[in-house]
Amino acid sequence: MPPPARPSAPQPQPQELPVPSYPAVETFIEKASASDVQALFAPVKQGLAELKGPRAEIGKKAQAAIARSEELLGMLVDVREKLVAESKQSKGRK
């Protein structure tokens, strides 16, 4: 005779993952200009350029990643500036 079936415990509901929030980046983008973005990365890029020996290869990879980050932040700043300009234009039409 098979063992009696136990009532199965209710399956726990999967928890929702938290929405990532980067308040420091958001605050920077809200106020930064394109020159601010360049100034942010300048000291780091200079330090990486000074690396010698085996660390120079790692520095090159880091420089490539920083260049991409700088490019993306620049795009975000440009989009923000366009949105602000469009917002001001649409208010003037009313």
C-alpha atoms as a PDB file:
ATOM      1  CA  MET A   1       0.000   0.000   0.000  1.00  0.00           C
ATOM      2  CA  PRO A   2       1.493   3.394  -0.968  1.00  0.00           C
ATOM      3  CA  PRO A   3       2.117   5.922   1.782  1.00  0.00           C
ATOM      4  CA  PRO A   4      -0.657   8.461   2.249  1.00  0.00           C
ATOM      5  CA  ALA A   5      -0.185  11.604   0.213  1.00  0.00           C
ATOM      6  CA  ARG A   6       0.781  14.616   2.267  1.00  0.00           C
ATOM      7  CA  PRO A   7      -0.810  17.885   1.389  1.00  0.00           C
ATOM      8  CA  SER A   8       1.805  19.901  -0.409  1.00  0.00           C
ATOM      9  CA  ALA A   9       2.965  23.068   1.257  1.00  0.00           C
ATOM     10  CA  PRO A  10       2.033  26.215  -0.625  1.00  0.00           C
ATOM     11  CA  GLN A  11       4.800  27.336  -2.932  1.00  0.00           C
ATOM     12  CA  PRO A  12       6.329  30.648  -1.874  1.00  0.00           C
ATOM     13  CA  GLN A  13       5.715  33.449  -4.338  1.00  0.00           C
ATOM     14  CA  PRO A  14       8.880  34.669  -6.037  1.00  0.00           C
ATOM     15  CA  GLN A  15       9.912  38.041  -4.724  1.00  0.00           C
ATOM     16  CA  GLU A  16      10.173  40.904  -7.139  1.00  0.00           C
ATOM     17  CA  LEU A  17      13.671  42.146  -7.697  1.00  0.00           C
ATOM     18  CA  PRO A  18      14.332  45.687  -6.529  1.00  0.00           C
ATOM     19  CA  VAL A  19      14.497  48.343  -9.193  1.00  0.00           C
ATOM     20  CA  PRO A  20      18.097  49.526  -9.468  1.00  0.00           C
ATOM     21  CA  SER A  21      18.588  53.082  -8.395  1.00  0.00           C
ATOM     22  CA  TYR A  22      21.705  55.117  -8.875  1.00  0.00           C
ATOM     23  CA  PRO A  23      20.958  58.435  -7.155  1.00  0.00           C
ATOM     24  CA  ALA A  24      24.513  59.750  -7.445  1.00  0.00           C
ATOM     25  CA  VAL A  25      24.547  59.186 -11.211  1.00  0.00           C
ATOM     26  CA  GLU A  26      21.042  60.620 -11.609  1.00  0.00           C
ATOM     27  CA  THR A  27      21.962  63.735  -9.647  1.00  0.00           C
ATOM     28  CA  PHE A  28      25.152  64.191 -11.658  1.00  0.00           C
ATOM     29  CA  ILE A  29      23.340  63.854 -14.998  1.00  0.00           C
ATOM     30  CA  GLU A  30      20.612  66.289 -13.958  1.00  0.00           C
ATOM     31  CA  LYS A  31      23.176  69.023 -13.326  1.00  0.00           C
ATOM     32  CA  ALA A  32      26.221  68.164 -15.448  1.00  0.00           C
ATOM     33  CA  SER A  33      27.345  69.666 -18.718  1.00  0.00           C
ATOM     34  CA  ALA A  34      29.474  67.945 -21.349  1.00  0.00           C
ATOM     35  CA  SER A  35      32.602  69.573 -19.918  1.00  0.00           C
ATOM     36  CA  ASP A  36      31.666  68.275 -16.444  1.00  0.00           C
ATOM     37  CA  VAL A  37      31.575  64.735 -17.834  1.00  0.00           C
ATOM     38  CA  GLN A  38      35.045  65.157 -19.331  1.00  0.00           C
ATOM     39  CA  ALA A  39      36.365  66.685 -16.104  1.00  0.00           C
ATOM     40  CA  LEU A  40      34.961  63.771 -14.105  1.00  0.00           C
ATOM     41  CA  PHE A  41      37.050  61.206 -15.952  1.00  0.00           C
ATOM     42  CA  ALA A  42      40.201  63.269 -16.644  1.00  0.00           C
ATOM     43  CA  PRO A  43      42.119  62.414 -13.428  1.00  0.00           C
ATOM     44  CA  VAL A  44      41.320  58.715 -13.733  1.00  0.00           C
ATOM     45  CA  LYS A  45      42.364  58.609 -17.374  1.00  0.00           C
ATOM     46  CA  GLN A  46      45.593  60.417 -16.527  1.00  0.00           C
ATOM     47  CA  GLY A  47      46.370  57.939 -13.751  1.00  0.00           C
ATOM     48  CA  LEU A  48      45.703  54.986 -16.025  1.00  0.00           C
ATOM     49  CA  ALA A  49      47.947  56.441 -18.730  1.00  0.00           C
ATOM     50  CA  GLU A  50      50.837  56.525 -16.260  1.00  0.00           C
ATOM     51  CA  LEU A  51      50.685  52.791 -15.501  1.00  0.00           C
ATOM     52  CA  LYS A  52      53.720  50.771 -16.522  1.00  0.00           C
ATOM     53  CA  GLY A  53      54.569  47.112 -16.773  1.00  0.00           C
ATOM     54  CA  PRO A  54      51.952  44.365 -16.467  1.00  0.00           C
ATOM     55  CA  ARG A  55      49.400  46.807 -15.098  1.00  0.00           C
ATOM     56  CA  ALA A  56      49.522  48.796 -18.333  1.00  0.00           C
ATOM     57  CA  GLU A  57      47.464  46.108 -20.126  1.00  0.00           C
ATOM     58  CA  ILE A  58      44.811  46.253 -17.427  1.00  0.00           C
ATOM     59  CA  GLY A  59      44.975  50.036 -17.627  1.00  0.00           C
ATOM     60  CA  LYS A  60      44.254  49.911 -21.362  1.00  0.00           C
ATOM     61  CA  LYS A  61      41.140  47.832 -20.742  1.00  0.00           C
ATOM     62  CA  ALA A  62      40.038  50.219 -18.025  1.00  0.00           C
ATOM     63  CA  GLN A  63      40.655  53.177 -20.339  1.00  0.00           C
ATOM     64  CA  ALA A  64      38.436  51.582 -22.986  1.00  0.00           C
ATOM     65  CA  ALA A  65      35.673  51.035 -20.431  1.00  0.00           C
ATOM     66  CA  ILE A  66      36.002  54.597 -19.160  1.00  0.00           C
ATOM     67  CA  ALA A  67      35.893  55.962 -22.708  1.00  0.00           C
ATOM     68  CA  ARG A  68      32.647  54.065 -23.302  1.00  0.00           C
ATOM     69  CA  SER A  69      31.203  55.292 -19.994  1.00  0.00           C
ATOM     70  CA  GLU A  70      32.204  58.843 -20.862  1.00  0.00           C
ATOM     71  CA  GLU A  71      30.511  58.488 -24.245  1.00  0.00           C
ATOM     72  CA  LEU A  72      27.298  57.157 -22.704  1.00  0.00           C
ATOM     73  CA  LEU A  73      27.188  59.864 -20.035  1.00  0.00           C
ATOM     74  CA  GLY A  74      27.763  62.459 -22.749  1.00  0.00           C
ATOM     75  CA  MET A  75      24.788  61.055 -24.659  1.00  0.00           C
ATOM     76  CA  LEU A  76      22.616  61.221 -21.549  1.00  0.00           C
ATOM     77  CA  VAL A  77      23.600  64.845 -20.980  1.00  0.00           C
ATOM     78  CA  ASP A  78      22.823  65.675 -24.631  1.00  0.00           C
ATOM     79  CA  VAL A  79      19.408  64.020 -24.419  1.00  0.00           C
ATOM     80  CA  ARG A  80      18.646  65.841 -21.177  1.00  0.00           C
ATOM     81  CA  GLU A  81      19.588  69.177 -22.773  1.00  0.00           C
ATOM     82  CA  LYS A  82      17.366  68.432 -25.794  1.00  0.00           C
ATOM     83  CA  LEU A  83      14.436  67.498 -23.561  1.00  0.00           C
ATOM     84  CA  VAL A  84      14.831  70.677 -21.523  1.00  0.00           C
ATOM     85  CA  ALA A  85      14.994  72.763 -24.714  1.00  0.00           C
ATOM     86  CA  GLU A  86      11.895  71.050 -26.143  1.00  0.00           C
ATOM     87  CA  SER A  87      10.064  71.551 -22.874  1.00  0.00           C
ATOM     88  CA  LYS A  88      10.824  75.274 -22.934  1.00  0.00           C
ATOM     89  CA  GLN A  89       9.712  75.548 -26.582  1.00  0.00           C
ATOM     90  CA  SER A  90       6.405  73.781 -25.954  1.00  0.00           C
ATOM     91  CA  LYS A  91       5.639  76.091 -23.022  1.00  0.00           C
ATOM     92  CA  GLY A  92       6.229  79.112 -25.244  1.00  0.00           C
ATOM     93  CA  ARG A  93       3.650  77.930 -27.806  1.00  0.00           C
ATOM     94  CA  LYS A  94       0.727  77.881 -25.387  1.00  0.00           C
END
